[in-house]
Protein backbone atom coordinates (compact mmCIF):
# COMPACT_ATOMS: atom_id res chain seq x y z
CA MET A 1 -12.12 6.67 12.21
CA LYS A 2 -10.42 4.29 14.53
CA VAL A 3 -9.59 2.06 11.53
CA LEU A 4 -7.98 5.12 9.80
CA ALA A 5 -6.02 5.91 12.94
CA ALA A 6 -4.76 2.25 13.14
CA PHE A 7 -3.83 2.50 9.41
CA VAL A 8 -1.78 5.61 9.87
CA VAL A 9 0.01 4.13 12.85
CA ASN A 10 0.80 1.01 10.78
CA ALA A 11 2.19 3.10 7.99
CA LEU A 12 4.39 5.10 10.35
CA PHE A 13 5.72 1.91 12.02
CA ASN A 14 6.50 0.32 8.61
CA PHE A 15 8.34 3.44 7.52
CA VAL A 16 10.43 3.64 10.72
CA ILE A 17 11.12 -0.17 10.87
CA GLY A 18 12.37 -0.05 7.21
CA LEU A 19 14.76 2.75 7.98
CA ILE A 20 16.12 0.99 11.08
CA VAL A 21 16.56 -2.31 9.26
CA ALA A 22 18.35 -0.63 6.45
CA LYS A 23 20.60 1.17 8.90
CA PHE A 24 21.66 -1.92 10.69
CA LEU A 25 21.96 -4.30 7.66
CA GLY A 26 23.84 -1.84 5.31
CA PRO A 27 23.35 -1.62 1.62
CA GLU A 28 24.52 -5.01 0.58
CA GLU A 29 22.66 -7.09 3.19
CA TYR A 30 19.65 -4.86 2.84
CA GLY A 31 19.68 -5.62 -0.85
CA ARG A 32 19.26 -9.28 -0.07
CA PHE A 33 16.51 -8.60 2.49
CA ALA A 34 14.67 -6.35 0.05
CA LEU A 35 14.82 -8.87 -2.72
CA ALA A 36 13.55 -11.68 -0.58
CA LEU A 37 10.69 -9.53 0.68
CA ALA A 38 9.81 -8.61 -2.83
CA LEU A 39 9.74 -12.33 -3.75
CA GLY A 40 7.50 -13.00 -0.87
CA LEU A 41 5.12 -10.20 -1.78
CA VAL A 42 4.89 -11.59 -5.40
CA ILE A 43 4.10 -15.13 -4.13
CA GLN A 44 1.55 -13.73 -1.49
CA THR A 45 -0.15 -11.68 -4.15
CA ALA A 46 -0.34 -14.54 -6.69
CA ILE A 47 -1.58 -17.15 -4.25
CA PHE A 48 -3.46 -15.53 -1.36
CA ASP A 49 -4.57 -11.99 -2.20
CA TRP A 50 -7.71 -12.99 -4.04
CA ILE A 51 -8.93 -14.21 -0.62
CA ARG A 52 -8.42 -10.85 0.99
CA LEU A 53 -10.00 -9.01 -1.92
CA SER A 54 -13.01 -11.26 -1.80
CA ALA A 55 -13.36 -10.85 1.97
CA ILE A 56 -13.47 -7.04 1.48
CA ARG A 57 -15.99 -7.20 -1.31
CA PHE A 58 -18.32 -10.02 -0.30
CA TYR A 59 -17.95 -10.50 3.49
CA SER A 60 -19.88 -8.41 5.88
CA GLU A 61 -21.87 -8.64 9.21
CA ARG A 62 -24.91 -9.56 7.20
CA THR A 63 -23.21 -12.52 5.45
CA ARG A 64 -21.55 -13.48 8.75
CA ARG A 65 -25.04 -13.77 10.24
CA ASP A 66 -27.05 -15.11 7.39
CA GLU A 67 -24.55 -16.76 4.94
CA PRO A 68 -21.78 -18.64 6.93
CA GLN A 69 -20.74 -20.34 3.77
CA VAL A 70 -18.94 -17.24 2.66
CA ARG A 71 -16.51 -17.27 5.49
CA ALA A 72 -16.21 -20.96 5.38
CA THR A 73 -15.22 -20.92 1.74
CA LEU A 74 -12.63 -18.20 2.34
CA ASP A 75 -11.05 -19.96 5.33
CA THR A 76 -11.01 -23.38 3.61
CA ALA A 77 -9.38 -21.94 0.38
CA PHE A 78 -6.61 -20.26 2.48
CA ALA A 79 -5.81 -23.32 4.43
CA ILE A 80 -5.59 -25.55 1.25
CA LEU A 81 -3.32 -23.05 -0.41
CA ALA A 82 -1.03 -22.63 2.58
CA VAL A 83 -0.61 -26.42 2.95
CA GLY A 84 0.17 -26.59 -0.86
CA LEU A 85 2.79 -23.87 -0.69
CA THR A 86 4.36 -25.50 2.43
CA LEU A 87 4.87 -28.67 0.44
CA VAL A 88 6.50 -26.59 -2.36
CA VAL A 89 8.80 -25.08 0.26
CA ALA A 90 9.73 -28.49 1.51
CA MET A 91 10.63 -29.86 -2.05
CA LEU A 92 12.50 -26.62 -2.85
CA MET A 93 14.68 -27.00 0.30
CA LEU A 94 15.53 -30.57 -0.64
CA SER A 95 16.41 -29.74 -4.20
CA ASN A 96 19.85 -28.82 -5.56
CA VAL A 97 18.57 -26.17 -7.95
CA LYS A 98 20.55 -22.92 -7.64
CA PHE A 99 18.99 -19.40 -7.50
CA GLY A 100 20.17 -15.89 -7.12
CA LEU A 101 19.09 -16.03 -3.47
CA SER A 102 20.17 -18.82 -1.07
CA HIS A 103 17.66 -21.61 -0.34
CA ALA A 104 17.34 -20.24 3.21
CA LEU A 105 16.26 -16.70 1.98
CA ILE A 106 13.83 -18.31 -0.56
CA GLY A 107 12.27 -20.53 2.13
CA LEU A 108 11.90 -17.51 4.38
CA SER A 109 10.42 -15.58 1.58
CA LEU A 110 7.69 -18.30 1.11
CA ALA A 111 7.00 -18.26 4.86
CA THR A 112 6.67 -14.49 4.85
CA ALA A 113 4.09 -14.89 2.00
CA VAL A 114 1.92 -17.34 4.01
CA THR A 115 2.06 -15.32 7.38
CA ASN A 116 1.69 -11.98 5.75
CA GLY A 117 -1.14 -13.35 3.54
CA LEU A 118 -2.93 -14.50 6.67
CA PHE A 119 -2.42 -11.15 8.40
CA ASP A 120 -3.78 -9.17 5.33
CA TYR A 121 -6.78 -11.54 5.19
CA SER A 122 -7.45 -11.14 8.87
CA CYS A 123 -7.31 -7.29 8.50
CA GLY A 124 -9.71 -7.65 5.50
CA LEU A 125 -12.12 -9.53 7.69
CA ALA A 126 -12.04 -6.90 10.37
CA ARG A 127 -12.41 -4.12 7.83
CA ALA A 128 -15.33 -5.71 6.10
CA ARG A 129 -17.09 -5.99 9.63
CA PHE A 130 -16.13 -2.53 10.55
CA ASP A 131 -14.43 -3.99 13.59
CA ASP A 132 -12.12 -1.21 14.64
CA HIS A 133 -10.98 -2.83 17.75
CA GLN A 134 -9.77 -5.99 16.25
CA TYR A 135 -8.26 -4.16 13.20
CA GLY A 136 -6.39 -1.97 15.67
CA ARG A 137 -5.29 -4.90 17.72
CA LEU A 138 -3.79 -6.68 14.62
CA VAL A 139 -1.94 -3.71 13.52
CA LEU A 140 -0.46 -2.55 16.96
CA VAL A 141 0.66 -6.04 18.06
CA LYS A 142 2.26 -6.67 14.74
CA ASN A 143 4.27 -3.36 14.72
CA ALA A 144 5.15 -3.66 18.49
CA LEU A 145 6.64 -7.10 17.95
CA SER A 146 8.28 -6.08 14.62
CA LEU A 147 9.84 -3.17 16.26
CA VAL A 148 11.51 -5.39 18.73
CA LEU A 149 12.18 -8.63 16.79
CA THR A 150 12.73 -7.48 13.25
CA THR A 151 14.92 -4.51 14.06
CA GLY A 152 16.57 -6.39 16.99
CA ALA A 153 17.56 -9.19 14.72
CA ALA A 154 18.97 -6.73 12.13
CA PHE A 155 21.03 -5.01 14.87
CA TRP A 156 22.20 -8.19 16.66
CA PHE A 157 22.98 -10.42 13.80
CA CYS A 158 23.30 -8.02 10.79
CA SER A 159 21.75 -10.64 8.76
CA ALA A 160 18.94 -10.52 6.21
CA LYS A 161 17.85 -14.04 7.13
CA MET A 162 17.45 -13.28 10.80
CA ALA A 163 15.64 -10.04 10.12
CA LEU A 164 13.24 -11.86 8.00
CA LEU A 165 12.69 -14.48 10.62
CA GLY A 166 11.95 -11.67 13.05
CA ALA A 167 9.35 -10.19 10.70
CA ILE A 168 7.63 -13.71 10.30
CA VAL A 169 7.38 -14.18 14.14
CA SER A 170 5.99 -10.59 14.53
CA ILE A 171 3.29 -11.19 11.96
CA ALA A 172 2.40 -14.68 13.42
CA GLY A 173 2.20 -13.16 16.89
CA SER A 174 -0.33 -10.55 15.98
CA ILE A 175 -2.52 -13.08 14.16
CA VAL A 176 -2.55 -15.33 17.27
CA ALA A 177 -3.46 -12.28 19.44
CA ALA A 178 -6.54 -11.45 17.36
CA ARG A 179 -7.59 -14.55 15.58
CA GLY A 180 -10.06 -15.80 18.23
CA ALA A 181 -12.10 -12.72 18.16
CA LEU A 182 -12.31 -12.92 14.32
CA THR A 183 -13.54 -16.57 14.19
CA ASP A 184 -17.11 -17.19 13.02
CA ALA A 185 -18.99 -20.00 14.93
CA LYS A 186 -20.67 -21.45 11.91
CA SER A 187 -17.85 -21.28 9.43
CA GLU A 188 -16.80 -24.97 9.44
CA PRO A 189 -15.08 -26.38 6.36
CA ARG A 190 -17.97 -28.57 5.57
CA ARG A 191 -20.00 -25.43 4.76
CA ALA A 192 -17.32 -24.39 2.12
CA SER A 193 -18.69 -24.04 -1.37
CA PHE A 194 -16.62 -24.79 -4.44
CA ASP A 195 -19.04 -22.66 -6.63
CA LEU A 196 -18.70 -19.66 -4.30
CA GLY A 197 -14.92 -20.08 -4.38
CA ARG A 198 -14.82 -20.15 -8.10
CA SER A 199 -17.04 -17.03 -8.35
CA TYR A 200 -14.73 -15.21 -5.93
CA LEU A 201 -11.68 -16.20 -7.82
CA ALA A 202 -13.33 -15.11 -11.01
CA TYR A 203 -13.97 -11.57 -9.47
CA ALA A 204 -10.40 -11.26 -8.05
CA LEU A 205 -8.24 -13.01 -10.56
CA PRO A 206 -8.11 -9.96 -12.98
CA ILE A 207 -7.25 -7.67 -10.01
CA ILE A 208 -4.50 -10.14 -8.78
CA ALA A 209 -3.05 -10.58 -12.32
CA ALA A 210 -2.81 -6.84 -12.68
CA ASN A 211 -1.21 -6.34 -9.26
CA LEU A 212 1.18 -9.26 -9.93
CA LEU A 213 2.24 -7.57 -13.17
CA TYR A 214 2.74 -4.24 -11.34
CA LEU A 215 4.85 -6.11 -8.60
CA LEU A 216 6.95 -7.89 -11.28
CA ILE A 217 8.20 -4.62 -12.74
CA PRO A 218 10.20 -3.52 -9.59
CA PHE A 219 10.97 -7.23 -8.67
CA VAL A 220 12.59 -7.79 -12.06
CA ASN A 221 14.30 -4.40 -11.91
CA ARG A 222 15.85 -5.36 -8.56
CA ALA A 223 17.01 -8.68 -9.95
CA LEU A 224 18.66 -6.82 -12.84
CA VAL A 225 20.36 -4.24 -10.58
CA ALA A 226 21.59 -7.20 -8.55
CA LYS A 227 23.02 -8.84 -11.59
CA TYR A 228 24.63 -5.85 -13.20
CA TYR A 229 25.47 -3.65 -10.29
CA GLY A 230 25.68 -5.87 -7.27
CA PHE A 231 23.63 -6.27 -4.09
CA ALA A 232 24.99 -2.92 -2.64
CA GLU A 233 23.36 -1.01 -5.47
CA THR A 234 20.25 -3.14 -5.19
CA GLY A 235 20.04 -2.01 -1.54
CA GLN A 236 20.30 1.64 -2.66
CA PHE A 237 17.61 1.16 -5.37
CA SER A 238 15.33 -0.93 -3.07
CA LEU A 239 15.30 1.48 -0.15
CA ALA A 240 14.32 4.45 -2.37
CA PHE A 241 11.40 2.34 -3.95
CA ASP A 242 10.37 0.72 -0.69
CA LEU A 243 10.11 3.92 1.43
CA GLY A 244 8.54 5.95 -1.30
CA LEU A 245 5.93 3.19 -1.97
CA ARG A 246 5.13 2.84 1.68
CA ALA A 247 4.68 6.64 2.08
CA VAL A 248 2.34 7.18 -0.74
CA GLN A 249 0.58 3.69 -0.67
CA ALA A 250 0.03 4.03 2.95
CA ILE A 251 -1.89 7.44 2.39
CA GLY A 252 -3.87 5.83 -0.51
CA SER A 253 -4.56 2.76 1.59
CA ALA A 254 -5.78 4.71 4.53
CA LEU A 255 -8.22 6.59 2.30
CA ASP A 256 -9.30 3.35 0.71
CA VAL A 257 -10.18 1.67 4.00
CA LEU A 258 -13.00 4.24 4.24
CA LEU A 259 -13.84 5.29 0.73
CA PHE A 260 -14.23 1.97 -1.00
CA GLN A 261 -16.46 0.56 1.63
CA LEU A 262 -18.64 3.64 1.29
CA ALA A 263 -18.92 2.90 -2.49
CA VAL A 264 -19.84 -0.76 -1.60
CA ALA A 265 -22.44 0.38 0.83
CA ALA A 266 -23.90 2.88 -1.68
CA HIS A 267 -24.09 0.04 -4.28
CA GLU A 268 -25.88 -2.42 -1.95
CA THR A 269 -28.28 0.22 -0.60
CA HIS A 270 -29.09 2.59 -3.56
CA GLY A 271 -27.77 0.90 -6.68
CA LEU A 272 -24.99 1.34 -9.30
CA ASP A 273 -25.65 5.00 -10.09
CA ARG A 274 -25.19 6.12 -6.54
CA ALA A 275 -22.09 4.01 -6.23
CA LYS A 276 -20.64 5.60 -9.39
CA ASP A 277 -21.26 9.07 -7.73
CA GLN A 278 -19.44 7.99 -4.67
CA ILE A 279 -16.54 6.61 -6.84
CA ALA A 280 -16.25 9.98 -8.50
CA ARG A 281 -16.11 11.85 -5.31
CA ASN A 282 -13.48 9.26 -4.04
CA ILE A 283 -11.22 9.90 -6.99
CA THR A 284 -11.37 13.69 -6.26
CA ILE A 285 -10.40 13.05 -2.58
CA VAL A 286 -7.59 10.51 -3.50
CA LEU A 287 -6.15 12.95 -5.96
CA ALA A 288 -6.47 15.91 -3.67
CA VAL A 289 -4.53 14.07 -1.00
CA ILE A 290 -1.95 12.13 -3.05
CA ALA A 291 -0.83 14.86 -5.36
CA PRO A 292 0.35 17.15 -2.66
CA ALA A 293 1.80 14.35 -0.64
CA CYS A 294 4.02 13.23 -3.59
CA ALA A 295 4.93 16.80 -4.50
CA GLY A 296 5.73 17.62 -0.88
CA VAL A 297 8.16 14.58 -0.66
CA LEU A 298 10.09 15.92 -3.61
CA MET A 299 10.12 19.50 -2.39
CA THR A 300 11.39 18.52 1.06
CA LEU A 301 13.70 15.76 -0.12
CA PRO A 302 17.05 17.29 0.92
CA SER A 303 15.95 17.59 4.64
CA VAL A 304 14.14 14.25 4.59
CA GLU A 305 17.24 12.55 3.35
CA ALA A 306 19.53 14.40 5.77
CA LEU A 307 17.22 13.58 8.78
CA LEU A 308 15.73 10.13 8.09
CA VAL A 309 17.99 8.22 5.65
CA PRO A 310 21.01 6.31 7.04
CA ALA A 311 24.31 7.77 5.93
CA GLU A 312 25.28 5.00 3.56
CA PHE A 313 22.22 5.55 1.49
CA ARG A 314 22.28 9.25 1.20
CA GLY A 315 22.66 10.67 -2.27
CA PRO A 316 21.55 7.55 -4.29
CA PHE A 317 18.39 7.61 -2.19
CA GLY A 318 17.35 11.09 -3.32
CA HIS A 319 18.37 10.52 -6.87
CA TYR A 320 16.47 7.26 -7.33
CA LEU A 321 13.39 8.44 -5.36
CA THR A 322 13.17 11.59 -7.56
CA LEU A 323 13.16 9.23 -10.77
CA MET A 324 10.61 6.86 -9.28
CA MET A 325 8.12 9.27 -7.84
CA PRO A 326 6.05 9.85 -11.05
CA GLY A 327 5.58 6.17 -11.25
CA LEU A 328 4.72 5.88 -7.49
CA PHE A 329 2.12 8.58 -8.04
CA ALA A 330 0.68 6.81 -10.94
CA LEU A 331 0.65 3.47 -9.25
CA THR A 332 -1.27 4.91 -6.33
CA LEU A 333 -3.90 6.39 -8.56
CA ILE A 334 -4.31 3.09 -10.30
CA ASN A 335 -4.88 1.06 -7.02
CA PHE A 336 -7.10 3.47 -5.08
CA ALA A 337 -8.75 5.87 -7.52
CA ILE A 338 -9.18 4.14 -10.85
CA ASN A 339 -9.30 0.40 -9.95
CA PRO A 340 -12.58 0.92 -7.91
CA ILE A 341 -14.43 1.94 -11.05
CA PHE A 342 -14.04 -1.59 -12.31
CA GLN A 343 -14.27 -3.43 -8.89
CA ILE A 344 -17.75 -1.89 -8.08
CA GLU A 345 -19.12 -3.09 -11.39
CA LYS A 346 -17.39 -6.52 -10.91
CA ARG A 347 -15.75 -5.97 -14.38
CA THR A 348 -12.29 -6.38 -13.51
CA LEU A 349 -10.68 -7.88 -16.77
CA PRO A 350 -9.50 -4.50 -18.17
CA LEU A 351 -7.09 -4.14 -15.29
CA ILE A 352 -4.86 -6.94 -16.73
CA GLY A 353 -4.83 -5.08 -20.13
CA ALA A 354 -3.48 -1.88 -18.51
CA ALA A 355 -0.86 -3.79 -16.47
CA LEU A 356 0.21 -5.72 -19.52
CA ILE A 357 0.75 -2.38 -21.33
CA GLY A 358 3.04 -1.24 -18.52
CA CYS A 359 4.93 -4.48 -18.37
CA ALA A 360 5.34 -4.81 -22.10
CA GLY A 361 6.91 -1.37 -22.48
CA THR A 362 9.48 -1.88 -19.68
CA PRO A 363 12.03 -4.09 -21.52
CA LEU A 364 11.89 -1.69 -24.54
CA LEU A 365 12.44 1.33 -22.21
CA VAL A 366 15.27 -0.39 -20.48
CA TRP A 367 16.97 -1.06 -23.82
CA LEU A 368 16.36 2.40 -25.25
CA LEU A 369 17.30 4.53 -22.26
CA PRO A 370 21.03 5.25 -21.89
CA HIS A 371 22.90 3.04 -19.38
CA GLY A 372 25.40 4.56 -16.88
CA ASP A 373 27.27 3.53 -13.78
CA ASP A 374 24.03 3.17 -11.72
CA ALA A 375 20.54 1.88 -12.15
CA SER A 376 18.94 5.25 -13.31
CA SER A 377 17.67 3.86 -16.53
CA LEU A 378 15.80 1.11 -14.65
CA ALA A 379 14.27 3.60 -12.31
CA THR A 380 13.21 5.84 -15.25
CA ALA A 381 11.77 2.85 -17.13
CA GLN A 382 9.80 1.82 -14.09
CA SER A 383 8.17 5.15 -13.71
CA ILE A 384 7.29 5.46 -17.38
CA ALA A 385 5.72 1.97 -17.37
CA TYR A 386 3.43 2.85 -14.37
CA VAL A 387 2.43 6.09 -16.04
CA ALA A 388 1.60 4.36 -19.29
CA ALA A 389 -0.52 1.71 -17.36
CA LEU A 390 -2.44 4.57 -15.67
CA LEU A 391 -3.21 6.25 -18.93
CA ALA A 392 -4.34 2.94 -20.48
CA LEU A 393 -6.64 2.14 -17.56
CA VAL A 394 -8.27 5.53 -17.71
CA CYS A 395 -8.93 4.89 -21.53
CA PHE A 396 -10.40 1.40 -20.62
CA ALA A 397 -12.54 2.97 -17.95
CA ILE A 398 -14.23 5.47 -20.44
CA SER A 399 -16.19 2.65 -22.09
CA SER A 400 -18.13 1.97 -18.81
CA ARG A 401 -19.18 5.61 -18.64
CA PRO A 402 -18.04 6.25 -15.05
CA ARG A 403 -18.46 9.52 -13.19
CA TRP A 404 -15.37 11.58 -13.13
CA PRO A 405 -14.22 14.48 -11.02
CA SER A 406 -15.32 17.76 -12.48
CA ILE A 407 -12.92 19.96 -14.38
CA ALA A 408 -13.45 22.63 -11.78
CA ASP A 409 -12.26 20.29 -9.03
CA LEU A 410 -9.10 19.34 -10.98
CA ALA A 411 -8.41 23.00 -11.60
CA ARG A 412 -8.82 23.73 -7.75
CA ILE A 413 -6.32 20.94 -6.97
CA ALA A 414 -3.83 22.26 -9.39
CA LEU A 415 -4.22 25.77 -8.12
CA SER A 416 -3.77 24.63 -4.39
CA LEU A 417 -0.66 22.68 -5.54
CA ALA A 418 0.72 25.78 -7.24
CA GLY A 419 0.19 27.80 -4.02
CA MET A 420 1.81 25.11 -1.95
CA ALA A 421 4.83 25.05 -4.41
CA ALA A 422 5.26 28.86 -4.39
CA VAL A 423 5.67 28.72 -0.52
CA VAL A 424 7.72 25.61 -0.09
CA LEU A 425 10.17 25.60 -3.24
CA PRO A 426 12.15 28.70 -2.06
CA MET A 427 12.84 26.89 1.21
CA ARG A 428 14.27 23.84 -0.63
CA HIS A 429 17.64 25.59 -0.72
CA TRP A 430 17.89 26.11 2.98
CA GLN A 431 20.28 24.13 5.05
CA PRO A 432 18.74 20.66 5.46
CA GLY A 433 17.61 20.00 8.97
CA VAL A 434 14.84 19.81 11.57
CA VAL A 435 14.00 23.58 11.35
CA SER A 436 14.00 23.58 7.46
CA LEU A 437 11.78 20.43 7.32
CA GLY A 438 9.39 21.66 9.95
CA ALA A 439 9.08 24.96 8.24
CA GLN A 440 8.46 23.40 4.91
CA VAL A 441 5.92 20.81 6.12
CA ILE A 442 3.97 23.19 8.23
CA SER A 443 3.91 26.14 5.70
CA GLY A 444 3.23 23.76 2.86
CA ALA A 445 0.40 21.88 4.59
CA LEU A 446 -1.24 25.19 5.81
CA THR A 447 -1.06 26.71 2.45
CA TYR A 448 -2.58 23.68 0.62
CA GLY A 449 -5.20 23.12 3.33
CA ALA A 450 -6.35 26.78 3.35
CA LEU A 451 -6.58 26.84 -0.40
CA ALA A 452 -8.30 23.50 -0.60
CA LEU A 453 -11.02 24.64 1.93
CA ALA A 454 -11.29 28.16 0.39
CA LEU A 455 -11.84 26.57 -2.99
CA ASP A 456 -14.10 23.72 -1.55
CA ILE A 457 -12.34 20.85 -3.29
CA GLY A 458 -14.82 17.91 -3.70
CA GLY A 459 -17.39 19.68 -1.66
CA LEU A 460 -15.51 18.76 1.60
CA ARG A 461 -15.67 22.09 3.29
CA ALA A 462 -19.25 21.78 4.69
CA PRO A 463 -18.65 18.21 6.22
CA LEU A 464 -15.25 19.29 7.67
CA VAL A 465 -16.73 22.48 9.15
CA GLY A 466 -19.65 20.32 10.54
CA LYS A 467 -17.06 17.90 12.19
CA LEU A 468 -15.24 20.76 13.63
CA ARG A 469 -18.42 22.30 15.10
CA GLU A 470 -19.38 19.04 16.51
CA PHE A 471 -16.05 18.60 18.11
CA LEU A 472 -16.12 22.02 19.71
CA ARG A 473 -19.70 21.44 20.95
CA ARG A 474 -18.71 18.23 22.67
CA ARG A 475 -15.64 19.88 24.14
CA ASP A 476 -17.79 22.62 25.52
CA GLU A 477 -20.32 20.14 26.94
CA ALA A 478 -17.59 18.19 28.65
CA ALA A 479 -16.11 21.29 30.06
CA GLU A 480 -19.55 22.46 31.41
CA ALA A 481 -19.94 18.96 32.98
CA VAL A 482 -16.56 19.22 34.78
CA GLY A 483 -17.49 22.62 36.01
CA GLU A 484 -20.81 21.45 37.43
CA ARG A 485 -18.98 18.81 39.46
């Protein structure tokens, strides 16, 4: 649970930092900042993310103790790739090739890819070891430094380059703070195994290829927005996508931190059938949490925009986020509900097929949809592409005969959502502000939560009631102990 708390804190800080940076940079400079960050994320995913995924799937306290070659292989692979990318950066900076971004921004993007790749790998190691303390240290130090350095650079210099530099230093500082505790004594490079590295790459490569394709959709769209509508419109488009993605993906990732490891543990201890049962339960939980979260954002959007979004971004933010939300919902289900079906079986090749379907349809959709004075057609095409990929992935999953959520649970989720909408939607026309947003969030959460518990979605009522009773018992025992003193 400490890992979950750290994840929630990380998501909240990322959201706040993104808003502050956008406010200080303004739409045009934030457009450059967002495009450079997107480039860094694409490079990180393509080159380093297979190491993080392999750590989560194959590294554990048992392998740390009995199979030091696992950690040695992962560490050595990261070091080799980081050195290679550094050489590429050096050659790029010396070249005369012209890009849409300046050489300085591209160089900073590559540096972000390396540092953030190492940060995510370190978090993956802590997560695989269930090391709550080190995971929390990584997250908290990074966000504390970023709140000072990234937002401070944006405020002081009003420069995308300096804000990126602040982010890089923040990430590096958190790694330095926690790296010593995550070091394994017997993971020297000489223990690294080429065969292990090749098997890990074979496991992760389809996942990486699919994620890369999913990342390329918004990255190419940002580049097209910059080309046809300018960097200011890119900033408007990017802020809506970035904040929407961070909000829903943070919730999905927080659930995945706990749920996927439970499926892995079930597979190791009881076999594939028990793991499939856990995956089905995980899908129910993810859907039961993500669906009201996405719907709630749209229902409360006027107040969210008025209270949180910088003035220069209001209007376009709500417009673009509304168009993008179906795609963000679909992408979150892909990553945290459907992908684990294939990951637990180590049969990840179908992930590429689904991603290719989403990518292949995007240019056609962009061409077919009507074009206007803004990038609405690109936002709509992006959503349709992600929904198409989700449907394709579900179809591919059927061949492996997975366990699915029951029809009854799906109906319960839909009924709970309908109840929440009936309470919150009439408030959407209230004057946007703190009171409106507070009333909407509280009433919506209470309504959905009460219905979810009453209908017992996913069989969660018994464990939640048990946790509540345990908490009350401990509180009473603590009170009695204080009274005896």
